[in-house]
Amino acid sequence: MEFPKVITDFVAKEAECDHFFMPQFYPKAGDILSFQRGYKYNSNTGEDITGVNVGDFHPNWYVICGGYAQDPFWIDITEGDKGFPVYFGEHGAGRWKSMKVAPTLEEFEKCVQFMNYLVDLEETREVIEPLFNARFDRSNSFWELVWNEFPFEE
């Protein structure tokens, strides 16, 4: 499968952030298909493990990066006309709960950059909170999750 340039360019940049829930792992050498192991197919048998029911990892989803615990960030390959919104899901529940992180892949990259800026500030909650709130919508379950795990200076 050939992926759109906007996706391969994003993956090639490997924009990491030193925060538990932000991207830290990317496909090696841009090999997006191999990076689907454990999400789209069983890594031991090669069996397709996608589905179309609520809680399934859908066939049109492709993981583009992962957080510290390998919780995936993905795009839906059919949403190119929307700029490839980015979604996130945590491991562990046996079912995927899709959380929309950013309306486009381009916006997601900006979010990662801004989170890097905030983490690098090494400041207190009082300094970081207004900056975080001005950029991120904490009513979004993902960004509230990120906020709750923010590495503040003490």
N, C-alpha and C. Protein backbone atom coordinates (compact mmCIF):
# COMPACT_ATOMS: atom_id res chain seq x y z
N MET A 1 0.84 -1.18 0.00
CA MET A 1 0.00 0.00 0.00
C MET A 1 0.88 1.24 0.00
N GLU A 2 0.51 2.21 -0.79
CA GLU A 2 1.24 3.49 -0.82
C GLU A 2 0.43 4.52 -0.03
N PHE A 3 1.09 5.15 0.93
CA PHE A 3 0.43 6.13 1.78
C PHE A 3 0.62 7.54 1.21
N PRO A 4 -0.36 8.42 1.44
CA PRO A 4 -0.23 9.81 0.99
C PRO A 4 1.02 10.46 1.61
N LYS A 5 1.61 11.37 0.87
CA LYS A 5 2.84 12.04 1.27
C LYS A 5 2.72 12.72 2.63
N VAL A 6 1.58 13.31 2.94
CA VAL A 6 1.41 14.00 4.22
C VAL A 6 1.62 13.01 5.39
N ILE A 7 1.21 11.77 5.20
CA ILE A 7 1.38 10.75 6.24
C ILE A 7 2.84 10.31 6.32
N THR A 8 3.44 9.99 5.18
CA THR A 8 4.83 9.53 5.19
C THR A 8 5.78 10.63 5.67
N ASP A 9 5.48 11.88 5.32
CA ASP A 9 6.31 13.00 5.80
C ASP A 9 6.21 13.13 7.32
N PHE A 10 4.99 13.01 7.85
CA PHE A 10 4.81 13.09 9.30
C PHE A 10 5.59 11.99 10.00
N VAL A 11 5.45 10.77 9.54
CA VAL A 11 6.13 9.62 10.15
C VAL A 11 7.65 9.80 10.08
N ALA A 12 8.15 10.31 8.96
CA ALA A 12 9.60 10.48 8.78
C ALA A 12 10.19 11.49 9.76
N LYS A 13 9.40 12.46 10.18
CA LYS A 13 9.89 13.49 11.12
C LYS A 13 10.11 12.94 12.52
N GLU A 14 9.40 11.88 12.87
CA GLU A 14 9.51 11.25 14.20
C GLU A 14 9.47 12.30 15.32
N ALA A 15 8.46 13.13 15.31
CA ALA A 15 8.32 14.20 16.31
C ALA A 15 7.95 13.59 17.66
N GLU A 16 8.95 13.44 18.52
CA GLU A 16 8.74 12.84 19.84
C GLU A 16 8.49 13.91 20.88
N CYS A 17 7.88 13.49 21.98
CA CYS A 17 7.63 14.38 23.11
C CYS A 17 7.83 13.58 24.38
N ASP A 18 8.54 14.16 25.33
CA ASP A 18 8.84 13.48 26.58
C ASP A 18 7.67 13.60 27.56
N HIS A 19 6.57 12.99 27.18
CA HIS A 19 5.36 12.94 28.00
C HIS A 19 4.76 11.56 27.78
N PHE A 20 4.30 10.93 28.83
CA PHE A 20 3.82 9.55 28.78
C PHE A 20 2.82 9.29 27.65
N PHE A 21 1.88 10.20 27.43
CA PHE A 21 0.83 9.95 26.44
C PHE A 21 1.11 10.53 25.05
N MET A 22 2.22 11.20 24.87
CA MET A 22 2.52 11.80 23.58
C MET A 22 3.41 10.87 22.75
N PRO A 23 3.53 11.11 21.44
CA PRO A 23 4.29 10.21 20.56
C PRO A 23 5.76 10.06 20.97
N GLN A 24 6.18 8.80 21.00
CA GLN A 24 7.57 8.48 21.30
C GLN A 24 8.12 7.41 20.37
N PHE A 25 7.25 6.71 19.68
CA PHE A 25 7.67 5.62 18.80
C PHE A 25 7.02 5.78 17.43
N TYR A 26 7.81 5.51 16.40
CA TYR A 26 7.36 5.64 15.01
C TYR A 26 7.77 4.40 14.22
N PRO A 27 7.13 4.17 13.08
CA PRO A 27 7.55 3.06 12.22
C PRO A 27 9.02 3.20 11.82
N LYS A 28 9.76 2.13 11.91
CA LYS A 28 11.17 2.15 11.51
C LYS A 28 11.28 2.33 10.00
N ALA A 29 12.14 3.24 9.61
CA ALA A 29 12.38 3.54 8.19
C ALA A 29 11.07 3.79 7.44
N GLY A 30 10.09 4.34 8.15
CA GLY A 30 8.82 4.68 7.51
C GLY A 30 7.96 3.48 7.14
N ASP A 31 8.28 2.29 7.67
CA ASP A 31 7.53 1.07 7.33
C ASP A 31 6.22 1.04 8.12
N ILE A 32 5.25 1.77 7.62
CA ILE A 32 3.96 1.91 8.30
C ILE A 32 3.23 0.57 8.39
N LEU A 33 3.32 -0.25 7.37
CA LEU A 33 2.59 -1.53 7.39
C LEU A 33 3.10 -2.46 8.49
N SER A 34 4.40 -2.56 8.69
CA SER A 34 4.93 -3.41 9.76
C SER A 34 4.55 -2.88 11.14
N PHE A 35 4.35 -1.57 11.24
CA PHE A 35 4.01 -0.94 12.51
C PHE A 35 2.58 -1.29 12.95
N GLN A 36 1.81 -1.93 12.09
CA GLN A 36 0.42 -2.29 12.40
C GLN A 36 0.33 -3.58 13.22
N ARG A 37 1.47 -4.22 13.43
CA ARG A 37 1.52 -5.48 14.16
C ARG A 37 0.89 -5.33 15.54
N GLY A 38 -0.07 -6.17 15.85
CA GLY A 38 -0.75 -6.14 17.14
C GLY A 38 -1.98 -5.25 17.14
N TYR A 39 -2.12 -4.43 16.12
CA TYR A 39 -3.30 -3.55 16.00
C TYR A 39 -4.20 -4.05 14.87
N LYS A 40 -3.62 -4.28 13.70
CA LYS A 40 -4.39 -4.72 12.54
C LYS A 40 -4.23 -6.23 12.28
N TYR A 41 -3.13 -6.78 12.75
CA TYR A 41 -2.92 -8.22 12.56
C TYR A 41 -2.14 -8.81 13.73
N ASN A 42 -2.39 -10.09 13.97
CA ASN A 42 -1.73 -10.83 15.03
C ASN A 42 -0.26 -10.99 14.67
N SER A 43 0.63 -10.57 15.56
CA SER A 43 2.06 -10.60 15.25
C SER A 43 2.63 -12.02 15.17
N ASN A 44 1.96 -13.00 15.74
CA ASN A 44 2.45 -14.39 15.68
C ASN A 44 1.92 -15.13 14.47
N THR A 45 0.63 -14.94 14.17
CA THR A 45 0.01 -15.72 13.09
C THR A 45 -0.18 -14.94 11.80
N GLY A 46 -0.13 -13.61 11.88
CA GLY A 46 -0.40 -12.79 10.69
C GLY A 46 -1.88 -12.61 10.42
N GLU A 47 -2.71 -13.20 11.27
CA GLU A 47 -4.17 -13.15 11.09
C GLU A 47 -4.69 -11.71 11.25
N ASP A 48 -5.59 -11.31 10.38
CA ASP A 48 -6.24 -10.00 10.45
C ASP A 48 -7.09 -9.96 11.72
N ILE A 49 -6.89 -8.93 12.55
CA ILE A 49 -7.65 -8.81 13.79
C ILE A 49 -8.49 -7.54 13.81
N THR A 50 -8.73 -6.98 12.63
CA THR A 50 -9.58 -5.79 12.55
C THR A 50 -11.04 -6.20 12.49
N GLY A 51 -11.91 -5.24 12.71
CA GLY A 51 -13.34 -5.48 12.62
C GLY A 51 -14.08 -4.18 12.44
N VAL A 52 -15.38 -4.28 12.25
CA VAL A 52 -16.18 -3.08 12.00
C VAL A 52 -17.16 -2.77 13.13
N ASN A 53 -17.11 -3.55 14.19
CA ASN A 53 -18.00 -3.32 15.33
C ASN A 53 -17.40 -2.28 16.27
N VAL A 54 -18.24 -1.70 17.12
CA VAL A 54 -17.77 -0.76 18.13
C VAL A 54 -16.74 -1.46 19.00
N GLY A 55 -15.60 -0.83 19.20
CA GLY A 55 -14.53 -1.41 20.01
C GLY A 55 -13.49 -2.16 19.22
N ASP A 56 -13.77 -2.47 17.95
CA ASP A 56 -12.79 -3.13 17.09
C ASP A 56 -11.80 -2.11 16.55
N PHE A 57 -10.61 -2.57 16.20
CA PHE A 57 -9.68 -1.74 15.46
C PHE A 57 -10.10 -1.87 14.00
N HIS A 58 -10.54 -0.79 13.41
CA HIS A 58 -11.16 -0.83 12.08
C HIS A 58 -10.14 -1.04 10.96
N PRO A 59 -10.55 -1.68 9.89
CA PRO A 59 -9.65 -1.96 8.77
C PRO A 59 -9.04 -0.71 8.12
N ASN A 60 -9.74 0.42 8.16
CA ASN A 60 -9.24 1.65 7.54
C ASN A 60 -8.30 2.44 8.44
N TRP A 61 -8.09 2.01 9.67
CA TRP A 61 -7.22 2.72 10.60
C TRP A 61 -5.78 2.25 10.43
N TYR A 62 -4.85 3.22 10.49
CA TYR A 62 -3.43 2.91 10.42
C TYR A 62 -2.71 3.67 11.53
N VAL A 63 -1.98 2.92 12.35
CA VAL A 63 -1.21 3.51 13.44
C VAL A 63 -0.02 4.23 12.84
N ILE A 64 0.15 5.51 13.24
CA ILE A 64 1.24 6.32 12.70
C ILE A 64 2.34 6.58 13.73
N CYS A 65 2.01 6.38 15.01
CA CYS A 65 3.00 6.53 16.08
C CYS A 65 2.38 5.99 17.37
N GLY A 66 3.22 5.86 18.39
CA GLY A 66 2.74 5.35 19.66
C GLY A 66 3.36 6.09 20.83
N GLY A 67 2.64 6.12 21.95
CA GLY A 67 3.15 6.72 23.18
C GLY A 67 4.03 5.75 23.94
N TYR A 68 4.45 6.15 25.12
CA TYR A 68 5.38 5.38 25.93
C TYR A 68 4.91 3.93 26.14
N ALA A 69 3.62 3.74 26.39
CA ALA A 69 3.08 2.40 26.63
C ALA A 69 2.59 1.75 25.34
N GLN A 70 3.05 2.28 24.20
CA GLN A 70 2.64 1.82 22.88
C GLN A 70 1.15 2.01 22.63
N ASP A 71 0.53 2.94 23.36
CA ASP A 71 -0.84 3.32 23.05
C ASP A 71 -0.79 4.03 21.71
N PRO A 72 -1.63 3.60 20.76
CA PRO A 72 -1.48 4.09 19.39
C PRO A 72 -2.20 5.40 19.08
N PHE A 73 -1.58 6.13 18.16
CA PHE A 73 -2.21 7.25 17.47
C PHE A 73 -2.45 6.76 16.06
N TRP A 74 -3.64 6.98 15.53
CA TRP A 74 -3.92 6.49 14.18
C TRP A 74 -4.71 7.50 13.37
N ILE A 75 -4.70 7.23 12.07
CA ILE A 75 -5.53 7.98 11.13
C ILE A 75 -6.46 6.96 10.46
N ASP A 76 -7.55 7.46 9.91
CA ASP A 76 -8.42 6.64 9.07
C ASP A 76 -8.05 7.00 7.64
N ILE A 77 -7.55 6.03 6.90
CA ILE A 77 -7.03 6.27 5.55
C ILE A 77 -8.10 6.84 4.62
N THR A 78 -9.37 6.68 4.96
CA THR A 78 -10.45 7.20 4.10
C THR A 78 -10.77 8.68 4.39
N GLU A 79 -10.10 9.27 5.36
CA GLU A 79 -10.40 10.65 5.75
C GLU A 79 -9.40 11.67 5.21
N GLY A 80 -8.80 11.38 4.08
CA GLY A 80 -7.85 12.30 3.46
C GLY A 80 -8.47 13.63 3.11
N ASP A 81 -9.73 13.62 2.71
CA ASP A 81 -10.42 14.87 2.35
C ASP A 81 -10.62 15.77 3.56
N LYS A 82 -10.49 15.22 4.76
CA LYS A 82 -10.61 15.99 6.00
C LYS A 82 -9.25 16.36 6.58
N GLY A 83 -8.17 16.00 5.88
CA GLY A 83 -6.82 16.29 6.38
C GLY A 83 -6.29 15.25 7.35
N PHE A 84 -6.89 14.08 7.37
CA PHE A 84 -6.50 12.97 8.24
C PHE A 84 -6.54 13.35 9.72
N PRO A 85 -7.76 13.44 10.29
CA PRO A 85 -7.86 13.62 11.74
C PRO A 85 -7.06 12.52 12.45
N VAL A 86 -6.55 12.84 13.63
CA VAL A 86 -5.74 11.88 14.40
C VAL A 86 -6.52 11.43 15.61
N TYR A 87 -6.48 10.12 15.86
CA TYR A 87 -7.18 9.49 16.97
C TYR A 87 -6.19 8.78 17.87
N PHE A 88 -6.64 8.51 19.09
CA PHE A 88 -5.80 7.85 20.10
C PHE A 88 -6.65 6.82 20.82
N GLY A 89 -6.01 5.76 21.28
CA GLY A 89 -6.69 4.77 22.10
C GLY A 89 -5.71 4.13 23.08
N GLU A 90 -6.20 3.83 24.27
CA GLU A 90 -5.37 3.17 25.28
C GLU A 90 -5.54 1.67 25.20
N HIS A 91 -4.45 0.96 25.46
CA HIS A 91 -4.50 -0.50 25.57
C HIS A 91 -5.22 -0.90 26.86
N GLY A 92 -5.63 -2.13 26.91
CA GLY A 92 -6.01 -2.68 28.19
C GLY A 92 -7.47 -3.01 28.39
N ALA A 93 -8.37 -2.38 27.70
CA ALA A 93 -9.79 -2.63 27.94
C ALA A 93 -10.32 -3.78 27.09
N GLY A 94 -9.51 -4.27 26.16
CA GLY A 94 -9.97 -5.33 25.28
C GLY A 94 -10.79 -4.80 24.12
N ARG A 95 -11.12 -3.53 24.17
CA ARG A 95 -11.89 -2.87 23.11
C ARG A 95 -11.27 -1.49 22.92
N TRP A 96 -11.25 -1.03 21.70
CA TRP A 96 -10.68 0.28 21.41
C TRP A 96 -11.73 1.37 21.56
N LYS A 97 -11.39 2.37 22.36
CA LYS A 97 -12.22 3.56 22.47
C LYS A 97 -11.47 4.67 21.75
N SER A 98 -12.00 5.08 20.64
CA SER A 98 -11.36 6.06 19.78
C SER A 98 -11.56 7.47 20.33
N MET A 99 -10.44 8.16 20.63
CA MET A 99 -10.49 9.55 21.09
C MET A 99 -9.88 10.43 20.00
N LYS A 100 -10.64 11.38 19.50
CA LYS A 100 -10.11 12.29 18.49
C LYS A 100 -9.16 13.28 19.18
N VAL A 101 -7.93 13.33 18.70
CA VAL A 101 -6.88 14.15 19.30
C VAL A 101 -6.74 15.49 18.58
N ALA A 102 -6.82 15.44 17.26
CA ALA A 102 -6.63 16.65 16.44
C ALA A 102 -7.46 16.53 15.17
N PRO A 103 -7.96 17.66 14.66
CA PRO A 103 -8.81 17.62 13.47
C PRO A 103 -8.07 17.27 12.18
N THR A 104 -6.73 17.46 12.17
CA THR A 104 -5.92 17.11 11.01
C THR A 104 -4.55 16.62 11.47
N LEU A 105 -3.87 15.92 10.59
CA LEU A 105 -2.51 15.46 10.90
C LEU A 105 -1.58 16.66 11.08
N GLU A 106 -1.77 17.69 10.27
CA GLU A 106 -0.96 18.91 10.39
C GLU A 106 -1.15 19.56 11.77
N GLU A 107 -2.39 19.62 12.22
CA GLU A 107 -2.66 20.20 13.54
C GLU A 107 -2.07 19.32 14.65
N PHE A 108 -2.12 18.01 14.47
CA PHE A 108 -1.53 17.11 15.45
C PHE A 108 -0.03 17.36 15.60
N GLU A 109 0.65 17.56 14.49
CA GLU A 109 2.08 17.85 14.54
C GLU A 109 2.33 19.14 15.33
N LYS A 110 1.50 20.14 15.15
CA LYS A 110 1.62 21.39 15.91
C LYS A 110 1.37 21.14 17.40
N CYS A 111 0.43 20.27 17.72
CA CYS A 111 0.15 19.92 19.11
C CYS A 111 1.38 19.28 19.76
N VAL A 112 2.02 18.37 19.05
CA VAL A 112 3.22 17.70 19.58
C VAL A 112 4.32 18.74 19.81
N GLN A 113 4.50 19.64 18.87
CA GLN A 113 5.52 20.68 19.02
C GLN A 113 5.23 21.56 20.24
N PHE A 114 3.96 21.93 20.42
CA PHE A 114 3.63 22.78 21.56
C PHE A 114 3.80 22.03 22.88
N MET A 115 3.44 20.77 22.90
CA MET A 115 3.66 19.98 24.11
C MET A 115 5.15 19.89 24.43
N ASN A 116 5.99 19.75 23.43
CA ASN A 116 7.43 19.77 23.66
C ASN A 116 7.86 21.07 24.31
N TYR A 117 7.33 22.16 23.80
CA TYR A 117 7.63 23.48 24.37
C TYR A 117 7.24 23.52 25.84
N LEU A 118 6.02 23.07 26.16
CA LEU A 118 5.55 23.11 27.55
C LEU A 118 6.39 22.23 28.47
N VAL A 119 6.70 21.02 28.02
CA VAL A 119 7.50 20.10 28.84
C VAL A 119 8.90 20.67 29.06
N ASP A 120 9.46 21.27 28.00
CA ASP A 120 10.82 21.82 28.10
C ASP A 120 10.90 23.05 29.01
N LEU A 121 9.76 23.68 29.28
CA LEU A 121 9.77 24.83 30.18
C LEU A 121 10.19 24.46 31.60
N GLU A 122 9.90 23.22 31.98
CA GLU A 122 10.22 22.74 33.34
C GLU A 122 9.74 23.73 34.38
N GLU A 123 8.46 24.02 34.34
CA GLU A 123 7.85 24.99 35.23
C GLU A 123 6.79 24.35 36.11
N THR A 124 6.23 25.16 36.98
CA THR A 124 5.19 24.71 37.90
C THR A 124 3.83 24.67 37.22
N ARG A 125 2.90 24.04 37.89
CA ARG A 125 1.51 23.96 37.42
C ARG A 125 0.94 25.36 37.16
N GLU A 126 1.24 26.30 38.03
CA GLU A 126 0.70 27.65 37.91
C GLU A 126 1.15 28.35 36.64
N VAL A 127 2.33 28.05 36.19
CA VAL A 127 2.85 28.64 34.95
C VAL A 127 2.32 27.90 33.73
N ILE A 128 2.29 26.58 33.79
CA ILE A 128 1.92 25.74 32.64
C ILE A 128 0.42 25.74 32.37
N GLU A 129 -0.40 25.71 33.40
CA GLU A 129 -1.84 25.53 33.21
C GLU A 129 -2.48 26.55 32.27
N PRO A 130 -2.25 27.86 32.43
CA PRO A 130 -2.89 28.79 31.49
C PRO A 130 -2.41 28.62 30.05
N LEU A 131 -1.15 28.24 29.86
CA LEU A 131 -0.63 28.00 28.52
C LEU A 131 -1.29 26.76 27.90
N PHE A 132 -1.38 25.72 28.71
CA PHE A 132 -2.01 24.47 28.25
C PHE A 132 -3.47 24.72 27.90
N ASN A 133 -4.18 25.40 28.78
CA ASN A 133 -5.61 25.65 28.56
C ASN A 133 -5.88 26.55 27.37
N ALA A 134 -4.96 27.44 27.05
CA ALA A 134 -5.14 28.32 25.90
C ALA A 134 -4.97 27.55 24.58
N ARG A 135 -4.25 26.44 24.63
CA ARG A 135 -3.96 25.68 23.40
C ARG A 135 -4.82 24.43 23.24
N PHE A 136 -5.14 23.78 24.36
CA PHE A 136 -5.82 22.49 24.30
C PHE A 136 -7.18 22.54 24.99
N ASP A 137 -8.13 21.82 24.44
CA ASP A 137 -9.48 21.73 24.98
C ASP A 137 -9.54 20.58 25.98
N ARG A 138 -9.58 20.91 27.26
CA ARG A 138 -9.57 19.87 28.30
C ARG A 138 -10.91 19.15 28.41
N SER A 139 -11.94 19.59 27.71
CA SER A 139 -13.17 18.80 27.67
C SER A 139 -12.98 17.59 26.74
N ASN A 140 -11.92 17.61 25.94
CA ASN A 140 -11.54 16.46 25.12
C ASN A 140 -10.84 15.47 26.05
N SER A 141 -11.33 14.24 26.09
CA SER A 141 -10.82 13.26 27.05
C SER A 141 -9.33 12.98 26.88
N PHE A 142 -8.82 13.06 25.67
CA PHE A 142 -7.38 12.85 25.48
C PHE A 142 -6.57 13.96 26.13
N TRP A 143 -6.94 15.20 25.88
CA TRP A 143 -6.14 16.31 26.41
C TRP A 143 -6.27 16.41 27.93
N GLU A 144 -7.39 15.99 28.47
CA GLU A 144 -7.50 15.94 29.94
C GLU A 144 -6.58 14.85 30.49
N LEU A 145 -6.50 13.73 29.79
CA LEU A 145 -5.58 12.65 30.16
C LEU A 145 -4.14 13.15 30.14
N VAL A 146 -3.77 13.88 29.11
CA VAL A 146 -2.42 14.44 29.00
C VAL A 146 -2.17 15.41 30.16
N TRP A 147 -3.15 16.26 30.43
CA TRP A 147 -2.99 17.23 31.53
C TRP A 147 -2.76 16.52 32.86
N ASN A 148 -3.53 15.49 33.12
CA ASN A 148 -3.43 14.79 34.40
C ASN A 148 -2.09 14.08 34.60
N GLU A 149 -1.35 13.85 33.52
CA GLU A 149 -0.04 13.21 33.62
C GLU A 149 1.09 14.17 33.28
N PHE A 150 0.83 15.46 33.38
CA PHE A 150 1.87 16.42 33.01
C PHE A 150 3.03 16.40 34.01
N PRO A 151 4.27 16.40 33.51
CA PRO A 151 5.45 16.33 34.40
C PRO A 151 5.88 17.72 34.90
N PHE A 152 5.23 18.19 35.95
CA PHE A 152 5.54 19.52 36.49
C PHE A 152 6.83 19.51 37.30
N GLU A 153 7.47 20.66 37.32
CA GLU A 153 8.59 20.89 38.24
C GLU A 153 8.00 21.08 39.63
N GLU A 154 8.63 20.56 40.60
CA GLU A 154 8.16 20.72 41.98
C GLU A 154 8.96 21.78 42.71
